[in-house]
Each structure stands twice: as C-alpha cells, then as structure tokens.
C-alpha cells in the first residue's frame, strides 16, 4: 500500500466504496465513469504501477487479476456475448490512477468504443 493512492485508499476503507469482489491478490469495483453497462476495475491489492518495473513475482499478480476478471465476466453473464479487458499504462494511454488496474467492459456491442 502506498500513501496518496486512490485505489490503496479505497481498499483500506479510507474512501467509501462498494467492493464487489475481493481475494488475496485483487479486488473489483465499478468504474465511476462507465463506458458500457458493465465497466468494472480489477485492481491488485499490492501497489503496482507500470509493467516495465515488474518483478517475476509481480507478474504472478497479473494471472490473478485476469482470472478474477474471467470469473466475474461469467458471473455477470457477459462471457458468451463478449467483453473487453484493457490495461492502460501511463498518461498517453489515458491511465488516470498510477496503480495498475484492469478494465472489464461489456454488456453491449463494443465495436464503436475506443
């Protein structure tokens, strides 16, 4: 956990939020600016930022967040019709919070969305 990190503060309960799912490696919340009917953020509990700084151990966390995203897509009923998984890295990609997170987006046709 890092001070002054929105996602770390959410996980620690310093900022009110509804955590939809939590395990030892990650948690899931709704995106506050959704681009689709289902737009969730899968966030590692460990404060990680950019892939180029990852250790081998950190890459194991990616496996956990992708598994959580897959499981949640199934439980939300969007796995058959399709969904998008996105990780933005740094400012030019649109990353707004410098804490790695995976966007799980679905619930309608996404072909016209970025």
PDB file of N, CA and C in Angstrom:
ATOM      1  N   UNK A   1       0.830  -1.176   0.000  1.00  0.00           N
ATOM      2  CA  UNK A   1       0.000   0.000   0.000  1.00  0.00           C
ATOM      3  C   UNK A   1       0.882   1.249   0.000  1.00  0.00           C
ATOM      4  N   UNK A   2       0.447   2.240  -0.723  1.00  0.00           N
ATOM      5  CA  UNK A   2       1.203   3.470  -0.851  1.00  0.00           C
ATOM      6  C   UNK A   2       0.322   4.636  -0.422  1.00  0.00           C
ATOM      7  N   UNK A   3       0.900   5.579   0.282  1.00  0.00           N
ATOM      8  CA  UNK A   3       0.148   6.772   0.657  1.00  0.00           C
ATOM      9  C   UNK A   3      -0.230   7.583  -0.568  1.00  0.00           C
ATOM     10  N   UNK A   4      -1.349   8.284  -0.488  1.00  0.00           N
ATOM     11  CA  UNK A   4      -1.838   9.134  -1.572  1.00  0.00           C
ATOM     12  C   UNK A   4      -2.153   8.371  -2.847  1.00  0.00           C
ATOM     13  N   UNK A   5      -2.607   7.142  -2.727  1.00  0.00           N
ATOM     14  CA  UNK A   5      -3.044   6.358  -3.884  1.00  0.00           C
ATOM     15  C   UNK A   5      -4.542   6.095  -3.724  1.00  0.00           C
ATOM     16  N   UNK A   6      -5.308   6.534  -4.687  1.00  0.00           N
ATOM     17  CA  UNK A   6      -6.755   6.381  -4.636  1.00  0.00           C
ATOM     18  C   UNK A   6      -7.162   4.928  -4.428  1.00  0.00           C
ATOM     19  N   UNK A   7      -6.593   4.008  -5.194  1.00  0.00           N
ATOM     20  CA  UNK A   7      -7.003   2.610  -5.094  1.00  0.00           C
ATOM     21  C   UNK A   7      -6.555   1.972  -3.781  1.00  0.00           C
ATOM     22  N   UNK A   8      -5.378   2.323  -3.299  1.00  0.00           N
ATOM     23  CA  UNK A   8      -4.945   1.819  -1.988  1.00  0.00           C
ATOM     24  C   UNK A   8      -5.887   2.339  -0.901  1.00  0.00           C
ATOM     25  N   UNK A   9      -6.272   3.614  -0.993  1.00  0.00           N
ATOM     26  CA  UNK A   9      -7.193   4.198  -0.009  1.00  0.00           C
ATOM     27  C   UNK A   9      -8.567   3.538  -0.079  1.00  0.00           C
ATOM     28  N   UNK A  10      -9.043   3.230  -1.285  1.00  0.00           N
ATOM     29  CA  UNK A  10     -10.326   2.526  -1.425  1.00  0.00           C
ATOM     30  C   UNK A  10     -10.269   1.170  -0.742  1.00  0.00           C
ATOM     31  N   UNK A  11      -9.213   0.425  -1.018  1.00  0.00           N
ATOM     32  CA  UNK A  11      -9.095  -0.913  -0.447  1.00  0.00           C
ATOM     33  C   UNK A  11      -9.007  -0.866   1.077  1.00  0.00           C
ATOM     34  N   UNK A  12      -8.303   0.116   1.612  1.00  0.00           N
ATOM     35  CA  UNK A  12      -8.130   0.233   3.061  1.00  0.00           C
ATOM     36  C   UNK A  12      -9.354   0.836   3.755  1.00  0.00           C
ATOM     37  N   UNK A  13     -10.371   1.240   2.977  1.00  0.00           N
ATOM     38  CA  UNK A  13     -11.578   1.805   3.567  1.00  0.00           C
ATOM     39  C   UNK A  13     -11.471   3.269   3.934  1.00  0.00           C
ATOM     40  N   UNK A  14     -10.396   3.928   3.529  1.00  0.00           N
ATOM     41  CA  UNK A  14     -10.245   5.355   3.811  1.00  0.00           C
ATOM     42  C   UNK A  14     -11.205   6.193   2.971  1.00  0.00           C
ATOM     43  N   UNK A  15     -11.598   5.636   1.827  1.00  0.00           N
ATOM     44  CA  UNK A  15     -12.578   6.266   0.945  1.00  0.00           C
ATOM     45  C   UNK A  15     -13.706   5.253   0.777  1.00  0.00           C
ATOM     46  N   UNK A  16     -14.948   5.674   1.015  1.00  0.00           N
ATOM     47  CA  UNK A  16     -16.060   4.729   0.886  1.00  0.00           C
ATOM     48  C   UNK A  16     -16.183   4.188  -0.542  1.00  0.00           C
ATOM     49  N   UNK A  17     -16.408   2.906  -0.636  1.00  0.00           N
ATOM     50  CA  UNK A  17     -16.584   2.254  -1.931  1.00  0.00           C
ATOM     51  C   UNK A  17     -17.251   0.914  -1.701  1.00  0.00           C
ATOM     52  N   UNK A  18     -17.932   0.437  -2.715  1.00  0.00           N
ATOM     53  CA  UNK A  18     -18.516  -0.894  -2.658  1.00  0.00           C
ATOM     54  C   UNK A  18     -17.586  -1.848  -3.386  1.00  0.00           C
ATOM     55  N   UNK A  19     -16.959  -2.724  -2.639  1.00  0.00           N
ATOM     56  CA  UNK A  19     -16.089  -3.732  -3.234  1.00  0.00           C
ATOM     57  C   UNK A  19     -16.963  -4.926  -3.600  1.00  0.00           C
ATOM     58  N   UNK A  20     -17.021  -5.223  -4.884  1.00  0.00           N
ATOM     59  CA  UNK A  20     -17.876  -6.287  -5.396  1.00  0.00           C
ATOM     60  C   UNK A  20     -17.267  -7.666  -5.208  1.00  0.00           C
ATOM     61  N   UNK A  21     -15.943  -7.718  -5.144  1.00  0.00           N
ATOM     62  CA  UNK A  21     -15.213  -8.988  -5.039  1.00  0.00           C
ATOM     63  C   UNK A  21     -13.864  -8.682  -4.416  1.00  0.00           C
ATOM     64  N   UNK A  22     -13.373  -9.639  -3.646  1.00  0.00           N
ATOM     65  CA  UNK A  22     -12.040  -9.494  -3.055  1.00  0.00           C
ATOM     66  C   UNK A  22     -11.457 -10.879  -2.835  1.00  0.00           C
ATOM     67  N   UNK A  23     -10.172 -11.037  -3.148  1.00  0.00           N
ATOM     68  CA  UNK A  23      -9.441 -12.244  -2.778  1.00  0.00           C
ATOM     69  C   UNK A  23      -8.077 -11.806  -2.249  1.00  0.00           C
ATOM     70  N   UNK A  24      -7.134 -12.720  -2.155  1.00  0.00           N
ATOM     71  CA  UNK A  24      -5.829 -12.380  -1.581  1.00  0.00           C
ATOM     72  C   UNK A  24      -5.000 -11.454  -2.460  1.00  0.00           C
ATOM     73  N   UNK A  25      -5.303 -11.402  -3.778  1.00  0.00           N
ATOM     74  CA  UNK A  25      -4.482 -10.638  -4.707  1.00  0.00           C
ATOM     75  C   UNK A  25      -5.137  -9.385  -5.273  1.00  0.00           C
ATOM     76  N   UNK A  26      -6.483  -9.355  -5.316  1.00  0.00           N
ATOM     77  CA  UNK A  26      -7.130  -8.239  -6.000  1.00  0.00           C
ATOM     78  C   UNK A  26      -8.527  -7.975  -5.459  1.00  0.00           C
ATOM     79  N   UNK A  27      -9.093  -6.867  -5.912  1.00  0.00           N
ATOM     80  CA  UNK A  27     -10.480  -6.543  -5.604  1.00  0.00           C
ATOM     81  C   UNK A  27     -11.110  -5.909  -6.840  1.00  0.00           C
ATOM     82  N   UNK A  28     -12.448  -5.905  -6.879  1.00  0.00           N
ATOM     83  CA  UNK A  28     -13.181  -5.389  -8.029  1.00  0.00           C
ATOM     84  C   UNK A  28     -14.188  -4.351  -7.555  1.00  0.00           C
ATOM     85  N   UNK A  29     -14.209  -3.218  -8.269  1.00  0.00           N
ATOM     86  CA  UNK A  29     -15.171  -2.152  -8.022  1.00  0.00           C
ATOM     87  C   UNK A  29     -15.762  -1.705  -9.357  1.00  0.00           C
ATOM     88  N   UNK A  30     -16.869  -0.956  -9.297  1.00  0.00           N
ATOM     89  CA  UNK A  30     -17.432  -0.352 -10.504  1.00  0.00           C
ATOM     90  C   UNK A  30     -16.619   0.878 -10.868  1.00  0.00           C
ATOM     91  N   UNK A  31     -16.422   1.097 -12.176  1.00  0.00           N
ATOM     92  CA  UNK A  31     -15.775   2.313 -12.659  1.00  0.00           C
ATOM     93  C   UNK A  31     -16.742   3.477 -12.439  1.00  0.00           C
ATOM     94  N   UNK A  32     -16.227   4.614 -11.978  1.00  0.00           N
ATOM     95  CA  UNK A  32     -17.112   5.756 -11.711  1.00  0.00           C
ATOM     96  C   UNK A  32     -17.519   6.485 -12.992  1.00  0.00           C
ATOM     97  N   UNK A  33     -16.837   6.214 -14.100  1.00  0.00           N
ATOM     98  CA  UNK A  33     -17.183   6.798 -15.396  1.00  0.00           C
ATOM     99  C   UNK A  33     -17.356   5.680 -16.418  1.00  0.00           C
ATOM    100  N   UNK A  34     -18.408   4.888 -16.296  1.00  0.00           N
ATOM    101  CA  UNK A  34     -18.552   3.714 -17.163  1.00  0.00           C
ATOM    102  C   UNK A  34     -18.767   4.081 -18.629  1.00  0.00           C
ATOM    103  N   UNK A  35     -18.178   3.264 -19.522  1.00  0.00           N
ATOM    104  CA  UNK A  35     -18.366   3.434 -20.957  1.00  0.00           C
ATOM    105  C   UNK A  35     -19.297   2.364 -21.525  1.00  0.00           C
ATOM    106  N   UNK A  36     -19.791   1.487 -20.676  1.00  0.00           N
ATOM    107  CA  UNK A  36     -20.681   0.397 -21.077  1.00  0.00           C
ATOM    108  C   UNK A  36     -21.516   0.004 -19.859  1.00  0.00           C
ATOM    109  N   UNK A  37     -22.586  -0.775 -20.076  1.00  0.00           N
ATOM    110  CA  UNK A  37     -23.420  -1.195 -18.940  1.00  0.00           C
ATOM    111  C   UNK A  37     -22.632  -1.888 -17.830  1.00  0.00           C
ATOM    112  N   UNK A  38     -21.633  -2.651 -18.200  1.00  0.00           N
ATOM    113  CA  UNK A  38     -20.737  -3.258 -17.208  1.00  0.00           C
ATOM    114  C   UNK A  38     -19.344  -2.694 -17.453  1.00  0.00           C
ATOM    115  N   UNK A  39     -18.844  -1.968 -16.486  1.00  0.00           N
ATOM    116  CA  UNK A  39     -17.488  -1.415 -16.559  1.00  0.00           C
ATOM    117  C   UNK A  39     -16.918  -1.490 -15.151  1.00  0.00           C
ATOM    118  N   UNK A  40     -16.096  -2.503 -14.953  1.00  0.00           N
ATOM    119  CA  UNK A  40     -15.527  -2.768 -13.638  1.00  0.00           C
ATOM    120  C   UNK A  40     -14.022  -2.594 -13.681  1.00  0.00           C
ATOM    121  N   UNK A  41     -13.444  -2.337 -12.527  1.00  0.00           N
ATOM    122  CA  UNK A  41     -11.995  -2.260 -12.390  1.00  0.00           C
ATOM    123  C   UNK A  41     -11.534  -3.411 -11.518  1.00  0.00           C
ATOM    124  N   UNK A  42     -10.576  -4.165 -12.028  1.00  0.00           N
ATOM    125  CA  UNK A  42      -9.962  -5.254 -11.268  1.00  0.00           C
ATOM    126  C   UNK A  42      -8.595  -4.726 -10.851  1.00  0.00           C
ATOM    127  N   UNK A  43      -8.405  -4.592  -9.543  1.00  0.00           N
ATOM    128  CA  UNK A  43      -7.264  -3.851  -9.005  1.00  0.00           C
ATOM    129  C   UNK A  43      -6.442  -4.751  -8.092  1.00  0.00           C
ATOM    130  N   UNK A  44      -5.134  -4.871  -8.355  1.00  0.00           N
ATOM    131  CA  UNK A  44      -4.310  -5.649  -7.421  1.00  0.00           C
ATOM    132  C   UNK A  44      -4.230  -4.950  -6.067  1.00  0.00           C
ATOM    133  N   UNK A  45      -4.224  -5.734  -5.020  1.00  0.00           N
ATOM    134  CA  UNK A  45      -4.077  -5.176  -3.680  1.00  0.00           C
ATOM    135  C   UNK A  45      -2.674  -4.597  -3.509  1.00  0.00           C
ATOM    136  N   UNK A  46      -1.685  -5.294  -4.017  1.00  0.00           N
ATOM    137  CA  UNK A  46      -0.308  -4.788  -3.973  1.00  0.00           C
ATOM    138  C   UNK A  46      -0.214  -3.569  -4.882  1.00  0.00           C
ATOM    139  N   UNK A  47       0.400  -2.516  -4.398  1.00  0.00           N
ATOM    140  CA  UNK A  47       0.542  -1.313  -5.212  1.00  0.00           C
ATOM    141  C   UNK A  47       1.575  -1.559  -6.306  1.00  0.00           C
ATOM    142  N   UNK A  48       1.075  -1.731  -7.509  1.00  0.00           N
ATOM    143  CA  UNK A  48       1.909  -1.900  -8.692  1.00  0.00           C
ATOM    144  C   UNK A  48       1.559  -0.776  -9.655  1.00  0.00           C
ATOM    145  N   UNK A  49       2.530  -0.325 -10.438  1.00  0.00           N
ATOM    146  CA  UNK A  49       2.230   0.763 -11.362  1.00  0.00           C
ATOM    147  C   UNK A  49       2.435   0.331 -12.808  1.00  0.00           C
ATOM    148  N   UNK A  50       3.676   0.267 -13.258  1.00  0.00           N
ATOM    149  CA  UNK A  50       3.955   0.087 -14.680  1.00  0.00           C
ATOM    150  C   UNK A  50       4.665  -1.230 -14.949  1.00  0.00           C
ATOM    151  N   UNK A  51       4.253  -1.897 -16.013  1.00  0.00           N
ATOM    152  CA  UNK A  51       4.742  -3.244 -16.320  1.00  0.00           C
ATOM    153  C   UNK A  51       6.261  -3.321 -16.423  1.00  0.00           C
ATOM    154  N   UNK A  52       6.903  -2.287 -16.963  1.00  0.00           N
ATOM    155  CA  UNK A  52       8.360  -2.369 -17.140  1.00  0.00           C
ATOM    156  C   UNK A  52       9.116  -2.426 -15.814  1.00  0.00           C
ATOM    157  N   UNK A  53       8.458  -2.119 -14.716  1.00  0.00           N
ATOM    158  CA  UNK A  53       9.098  -2.202 -13.407  1.00  0.00           C
ATOM    159  C   UNK A  53       8.754  -3.464 -12.633  1.00  0.00           C
ATOM    160  N   UNK A  54       8.009  -4.380 -13.256  1.00  0.00           N
ATOM    161  CA  UNK A  54       7.565  -5.594 -12.565  1.00  0.00           C
ATOM    162  C   UNK A  54       8.697  -6.583 -12.329  1.00  0.00           C
ATOM    163  N   UNK A  55       8.643  -7.234 -11.168  1.00  0.00           N
ATOM    164  CA  UNK A  55       9.500  -8.388 -10.901  1.00  0.00           C
ATOM    165  C   UNK A  55       8.750  -9.633 -11.375  1.00  0.00           C
ATOM    166  N   UNK A  56       9.427 -10.770 -11.380  1.00  0.00           N
ATOM    167  CA  UNK A  56       8.756 -12.022 -11.756  1.00  0.00           C
ATOM    168  C   UNK A  56       7.575 -12.295 -10.824  1.00  0.00           C
ATOM    169  N   UNK A  57       7.725 -11.990  -9.551  1.00  0.00           N
ATOM    170  CA  UNK A  57       6.641 -12.181  -8.581  1.00  0.00           C
ATOM    171  C   UNK A  57       5.444 -11.292  -8.906  1.00  0.00           C
ATOM    172  N   UNK A  58       5.725 -10.061  -9.333  1.00  0.00           N
ATOM    173  CA  UNK A  58       4.641  -9.143  -9.684  1.00  0.00           C
ATOM    174  C   UNK A  58       3.826  -9.658 -10.867  1.00  0.00           C
ATOM    175  N   UNK A  59       4.475 -10.300 -11.818  1.00  0.00           N
ATOM    176  CA  UNK A  59       3.743 -10.821 -12.978  1.00  0.00           C
ATOM    177  C   UNK A  59       2.745 -11.907 -12.573  1.00  0.00           C
ATOM    178  N   UNK A  60       2.984 -12.582 -11.475  1.00  0.00           N
ATOM    179  CA  UNK A  60       2.026 -13.580 -10.992  1.00  0.00           C
ATOM    180  C   UNK A  60       0.703 -12.922 -10.614  1.00  0.00           C
ATOM    181  N   UNK A  61       0.753 -11.670 -10.187  1.00  0.00           N
ATOM    182  CA  UNK A  61      -0.454 -10.936  -9.836  1.00  0.00           C
ATOM    183  C   UNK A  61      -1.333 -10.746 -11.074  1.00  0.00           C
ATOM    184  N   UNK A  62      -0.704 -10.565 -12.242  1.00  0.00           N
ATOM    185  CA  UNK A  62      -1.483 -10.431 -13.479  1.00  0.00           C
ATOM    186  C   UNK A  62      -2.350 -11.653 -13.715  1.00  0.00           C
ATOM    187  N   UNK A  63      -1.814 -12.814 -13.451  1.00  0.00           N
ATOM    188  CA  UNK A  63      -2.591 -14.039 -13.599  1.00  0.00           C
ATOM    189  C   UNK A  63      -3.825 -14.000 -12.707  1.00  0.00           C
ATOM    190  N   UNK A  64      -3.648 -13.536 -11.493  1.00  0.00           N
ATOM    191  CA  UNK A  64      -4.763 -13.465 -10.544  1.00  0.00           C
ATOM    192  C   UNK A  64      -5.828 -12.472 -10.987  1.00  0.00           C
ATOM    193  N   UNK A  65      -5.408 -11.304 -11.496  1.00  0.00           N
ATOM    194  CA  UNK A  65      -6.427 -10.329 -11.877  1.00  0.00           C
ATOM    195  C   UNK A  65      -7.161 -10.768 -13.144  1.00  0.00           C
ATOM    196  N   UNK A  66      -6.466 -11.436 -14.056  1.00  0.00           N
ATOM    197  CA  UNK A  66      -7.148 -11.943 -15.245  1.00  0.00           C
ATOM    198  C   UNK A  66      -8.116 -13.067 -14.888  1.00  0.00           C
ATOM    199  N   UNK A  67      -7.749 -13.910 -13.936  1.00  0.00           N
ATOM    200  CA  UNK A  67      -8.655 -14.972 -13.501  1.00  0.00           C
ATOM    201  C   UNK A  67      -9.898 -14.368 -12.840  1.00  0.00           C
ATOM    202  N   UNK A  68      -9.710 -13.365 -11.993  1.00  0.00           N
ATOM    203  CA  UNK A  68     -10.845 -12.703 -11.346  1.00  0.00           C
ATOM    204  C   UNK A  68     -11.744 -12.046 -12.393  1.00  0.00           C
ATOM    205  N   UNK A  69     -11.148 -11.417 -13.406  1.00  0.00           N
ATOM    206  CA  UNK A  69     -11.934 -10.784 -14.469  1.00  0.00           C
ATOM    207  C   UNK A  69     -12.737 -11.829 -15.239  1.00  0.00           C
ATOM    208  N   UNK A  70     -12.104 -12.947 -15.565  1.00  0.00           N
ATOM    209  CA  UNK A  70     -12.808 -14.020 -16.273  1.00  0.00           C
ATOM    210  C   UNK A  70     -13.984 -14.524 -15.444  1.00  0.00           C
ATOM    211  N   UNK A  71     -13.732 -14.802 -14.183  1.00  0.00           N
ATOM    212  CA  UNK A  71     -14.780 -15.322 -13.312  1.00  0.00           C
ATOM    213  C   UNK A  71     -15.924 -14.326 -13.164  1.00  0.00           C
ATOM    214  N   UNK A  72     -15.590 -13.038 -13.055  1.00  0.00           N
ATOM    215  CA  UNK A  72     -16.631 -12.036 -12.901  1.00  0.00           C
ATOM    216  C   UNK A  72     -17.410 -11.859 -14.200  1.00  0.00           C
ATOM    217  N   UNK A  73     -16.741 -11.940 -15.348  1.00  0.00           N
ATOM    218  CA  UNK A  73     -17.448 -11.865 -16.640  1.00  0.00           C
ATOM    219  C   UNK A  73     -18.460 -13.006 -16.749  1.00  0.00           C
ATOM    220  N   UNK A  74     -18.083 -14.177 -16.293  1.00  0.00           N
ATOM    221  CA  UNK A  74     -19.011 -15.315 -16.302  1.00  0.00           C
ATOM    222  C   UNK A  74     -20.185 -15.033 -15.370  1.00  0.00           C
ATOM    223  N   UNK A  75     -19.895 -14.572 -14.151  1.00  0.00           N
ATOM    224  CA  UNK A  75     -20.973 -14.339 -13.183  1.00  0.00           C
ATOM    225  C   UNK A  75     -21.885 -13.183 -13.602  1.00  0.00           C
ATOM    226  N   UNK A  76     -21.364 -12.218 -14.365  1.00  0.00           N
ATOM    227  CA  UNK A  76     -22.172 -11.095 -14.834  1.00  0.00           C
ATOM    228  C   UNK A  76     -22.942 -11.438 -16.109  1.00  0.00           C
ATOM    229  N   UNK A  77     -22.701 -12.634 -16.670  1.00  0.00           N
ATOM    230  CA  UNK A  77     -23.431 -13.078 -17.847  1.00  0.00           C
ATOM    231  C   UNK A  77     -22.973 -12.469 -19.156  1.00  0.00           C
ATOM    232  N   UNK A  78     -21.726 -11.983 -19.203  1.00  0.00           N
ATOM    233  CA  UNK A  78     -21.232 -11.376 -20.444  1.00  0.00           C
ATOM    234  C   UNK A  78     -20.172 -12.222 -21.142  1.00  0.00           C
ATOM    235  N   UNK A  79     -19.862 -13.371 -20.593  1.00  0.00           N
ATOM    236  CA  UNK A  79     -18.793 -14.177 -21.186  1.00  0.00           C
ATOM    237  C   UNK A  79     -19.191 -14.761 -22.537  1.00  0.00           C
ATOM    238  N   UNK A  80     -20.447 -15.076 -22.744  1.00  0.00           N
ATOM    239  CA  UNK A  80     -20.867 -15.650 -24.021  1.00  0.00           C
ATOM    240  C   UNK A  80     -20.951 -14.602 -25.127  1.00  0.00           C
ATOM    241  N   UNK A  81     -21.432 -13.404 -24.816  1.00  0.00           N
ATOM    242  CA  UNK A  81     -21.580 -12.371 -25.843  1.00  0.00           C
ATOM    243  C   UNK A  81     -20.284 -11.614 -26.109  1.00  0.00           C
ATOM    244  N   UNK A  82     -19.400 -11.559 -25.115  1.00  0.00           N
ATOM    245  CA  UNK A  82     -18.095 -10.919 -25.289  1.00  0.00           C
ATOM    246  C   UNK A  82     -17.892  -9.741 -24.364  1.00  0.00           C
ATOM    247  N   UNK A  83     -16.636  -9.482 -24.093  1.00  0.00           N
ATOM    248  CA  UNK A  83     -16.245  -8.388 -23.209  1.00  0.00           C
ATOM    249  C   UNK A  83     -14.839  -7.962 -23.560  1.00  0.00           C
ATOM    250  N   UNK A  84     -14.428  -6.842 -23.036  1.00  0.00           N
ATOM    251  CA  UNK A  84     -13.097  -6.301 -23.307  1.00  0.00           C
ATOM    252  C   UNK A  84     -12.328  -6.181 -21.995  1.00  0.00           C
ATOM    253  N   UNK A  85     -11.035  -6.512 -22.058  1.00  0.00           N
ATOM    254  CA  UNK A  85     -10.116  -6.321 -20.936  1.00  0.00           C
ATOM    255  C   UNK A  85      -9.040  -5.347 -21.397  1.00  0.00           C
ATOM    256  N   UNK A  86      -8.814  -4.293 -20.610  1.00  0.00           N
ATOM    257  CA  UNK A  86      -7.857  -3.267 -21.003  1.00  0.00           C
ATOM    258  C   UNK A  86      -7.002  -2.863 -19.809  1.00  0.00           C
ATOM    259  N   UNK A  87      -5.707  -2.717 -20.056  1.00  0.00           N
ATOM    260  CA  UNK A  87      -4.800  -2.128 -19.073  1.00  0.00           C
ATOM    261  C   UNK A  87      -4.157  -0.921 -19.742  1.00  0.00           C
ATOM    262  N   UNK A  88      -4.366   0.252 -19.179  1.00  0.00           N
ATOM    263  CA  UNK A  88      -3.722   1.469 -19.674  1.00  0.00           C
ATOM    264  C   UNK A  88      -2.423   1.664 -18.907  1.00  0.00           C
ATOM    265  N   UNK A  89      -1.395   2.112 -19.610  1.00  0.00           N
ATOM    266  CA  UNK A  89      -0.094   2.342 -18.992  1.00  0.00           C
ATOM    267  C   UNK A  89       0.383   3.761 -19.271  1.00  0.00           C
ATOM    268  N   UNK A  90       0.426   4.562 -18.269  1.00  0.00           N
ATOM    269  CA  UNK A  90       0.918   5.941 -18.249  1.00  0.00           C
ATOM    270  C   UNK A  90      -0.061   6.915 -18.904  1.00  0.00           C
ATOM    271  N   UNK A  91       0.317   8.182 -18.879  1.00  0.00           N
ATOM    272  CA  UNK A  91      -0.587   9.268 -19.227  1.00  0.00           C
ATOM    273  C   UNK A  91      -1.097   9.209 -20.668  1.00  0.00           C
ATOM    274  N   UNK A  92      -0.231   8.943 -21.644  1.00  0.00           N
ATOM    275  CA  UNK A  92      -0.653   8.958 -23.043  1.00  0.00           C
ATOM    276  C   UNK A  92      -1.689   7.879 -23.358  1.00  0.00           C
ATOM    277  N   UNK A  93      -1.793   6.859 -22.520  1.00  0.00           N
ATOM    278  CA  UNK A  93      -2.782   5.798 -22.734  1.00  0.00           C
ATOM    279  C   UNK A  93      -4.131   6.159 -22.101  1.00  0.00           C
ATOM    280  N   UNK A  94      -4.116   7.177 -21.268  1.00  0.00           N
ATOM    281  CA  UNK A  94      -5.328   7.550 -20.557  1.00  0.00           C
ATOM    282  C   UNK A  94      -5.368   7.053 -19.126  1.00  0.00           C
ATOM    283  N   UNK A  95      -4.278   6.466 -18.636  1.00  0.00           N
ATOM    284  CA  UNK A  95      -4.267   5.999 -17.248  1.00  0.00           C
ATOM    285  C   UNK A  95      -4.383   7.196 -16.323  1.00  0.00           C
ATOM    286  N   UNK A  96      -5.395   7.184 -15.456  1.00  0.00           N
ATOM    287  CA  UNK A  96      -5.643   8.314 -14.567  1.00  0.00           C
ATOM    288  C   UNK A  96      -5.163   8.077 -13.146  1.00  0.00           C
ATOM    289  N   UNK A  97      -5.071   6.820 -12.736  1.00  0.00           N
ATOM    290  CA  UNK A  97      -4.598   6.488 -11.391  1.00  0.00           C
ATOM    291  C   UNK A  97      -3.327   5.649 -11.547  1.00  0.00           C
ATOM    292  N   UNK A  98      -2.195   6.092 -11.003  1.00  0.00           N
ATOM    293  CA  UNK A  98      -0.948   5.347 -11.159  1.00  0.00           C
ATOM    294  C   UNK A  98      -0.865   4.125 -10.233  1.00  0.00           C
ATOM    295  N   UNK A  99      -1.811   3.242 -10.422  1.00  0.00           N
ATOM    296  CA  UNK A  99      -1.866   1.948  -9.735  1.00  0.00           C
ATOM    297  C   UNK A  99      -2.447   1.017 -10.787  1.00  0.00           C
ATOM    298  N   UNK A 100      -1.717  -0.014 -11.142  1.00  0.00           N
ATOM    299  CA  UNK A 100      -2.166  -0.929 -12.184  1.00  0.00           C
ATOM    300  C   UNK A 100      -3.605  -1.353 -11.939  1.00  0.00           C
ATOM    301  N   UNK A 101      -4.403  -1.390 -12.997  1.00  0.00           N
ATOM    302  CA  UNK A 101      -5.774  -1.900 -12.900  1.00  0.00           C
ATOM    303  C   UNK A 101      -6.231  -2.355 -14.267  1.00  0.00           C
ATOM    304  N   UNK A 102      -7.106  -3.317 -14.252  1.00  0.00           N
ATOM    305  CA  UNK A 102      -7.651  -3.930 -15.459  1.00  0.00           C
ATOM    306  C   UNK A 102      -9.103  -3.501 -15.593  1.00  0.00           C
ATOM    307  N   UNK A 103      -9.458  -2.949 -16.748  1.00  0.00           N
ATOM    308  CA  UNK A 103     -10.851  -2.602 -17.030  1.00  0.00           C
ATOM    309  C   UNK A 103     -11.543  -3.832 -17.612  1.00  0.00           C
ATOM    310  N   UNK A 104     -12.673  -4.198 -17.045  1.00  0.00           N
ATOM    311  CA  UNK A 104     -13.548  -5.254 -17.560  1.00  0.00           C
ATOM    312  C   UNK A 104     -14.801  -4.540 -18.070  1.00  0.00           C
ATOM    313  N   UNK A 105     -14.986  -4.574 -19.397  1.00  0.00           N
ATOM    314  CA  UNK A 105     -16.035  -3.791 -20.030  1.00  0.00           C
ATOM    315  C   UNK A 105     -16.907  -4.709 -20.874  1.00  0.00           C
ATOM    316  N   UNK A 106     -18.227  -4.589 -20.734  1.00  0.00           N
ATOM    317  CA  UNK A 106     -19.133  -5.398 -21.540  1.00  0.00           C
ATOM    318  C   UNK A 106     -20.576  -5.029 -21.297  1.00  0.00           C
ATOM    319  N   UNK A 107     -21.444  -5.861 -21.806  1.00  0.00           N
ATOM    320  CA  UNK A 107     -22.865  -5.646 -21.625  1.00  0.00           C
ATOM    321  C   UNK A 107     -23.574  -5.151 -22.856  1.00  0.00           C
ATOM    322  N   UNK A 108     -22.833  -4.774 -23.876  1.00  0.00           N
ATOM    323  CA  UNK A 108     -23.388  -4.458 -25.200  1.00  0.00           C
ATOM    324  C   UNK A 108     -22.264  -4.498 -26.226  1.00  0.00           C
ATOM    325  N   UNK A 109     -22.586  -4.277 -27.482  1.00  0.00           N
ATOM    326  CA  UNK A 109     -21.591  -4.320 -28.551  1.00  0.00           C
ATOM    327  C   UNK A 109     -20.576  -3.200 -28.335  1.00  0.00           C
ATOM    328  N   UNK A 110     -19.318  -3.542 -28.292  1.00  0.00           N
ATOM    329  CA  UNK A 110     -18.253  -2.577 -28.000  1.00  0.00           C
ATOM    330  C   UNK A 110     -17.499  -2.115 -29.242  1.00  0.00           C
ATOM    331  N   UNK A 111     -17.939  -2.501 -30.408  1.00  0.00           N
ATOM    332  CA  UNK A 111     -17.156  -2.207 -31.606  1.00  0.00           C
ATOM    333  C   UNK A 111     -16.996  -0.702 -31.843  1.00  0.00           C
ATOM    334  N   UNK A 112     -17.882   0.128 -31.321  1.00  0.00           N
ATOM    335  CA  UNK A 112     -17.769   1.574 -31.505  1.00  0.00           C
ATOM    336  C   UNK A 112     -17.093   2.293 -30.357  1.00  0.00           C
ATOM    337  N   UNK A 113     -16.607   1.550 -29.368  1.00  0.00           N
ATOM    338  CA  UNK A 113     -15.963   2.152 -28.189  1.00  0.00           C
ATOM    339  C   UNK A 113     -14.472   1.917 -28.276  1.00  0.00           C
ATOM    340  N   UNK A 114     -13.704   3.009 -28.256  1.00  0.00           N
ATOM    341  CA  UNK A 114     -12.287   3.090 -28.268  1.00  0.00           C
ATOM    342  C   UNK A 114     -11.493   1.895 -28.391  1.00  0.00           C
TER     343      UNK A 114
END
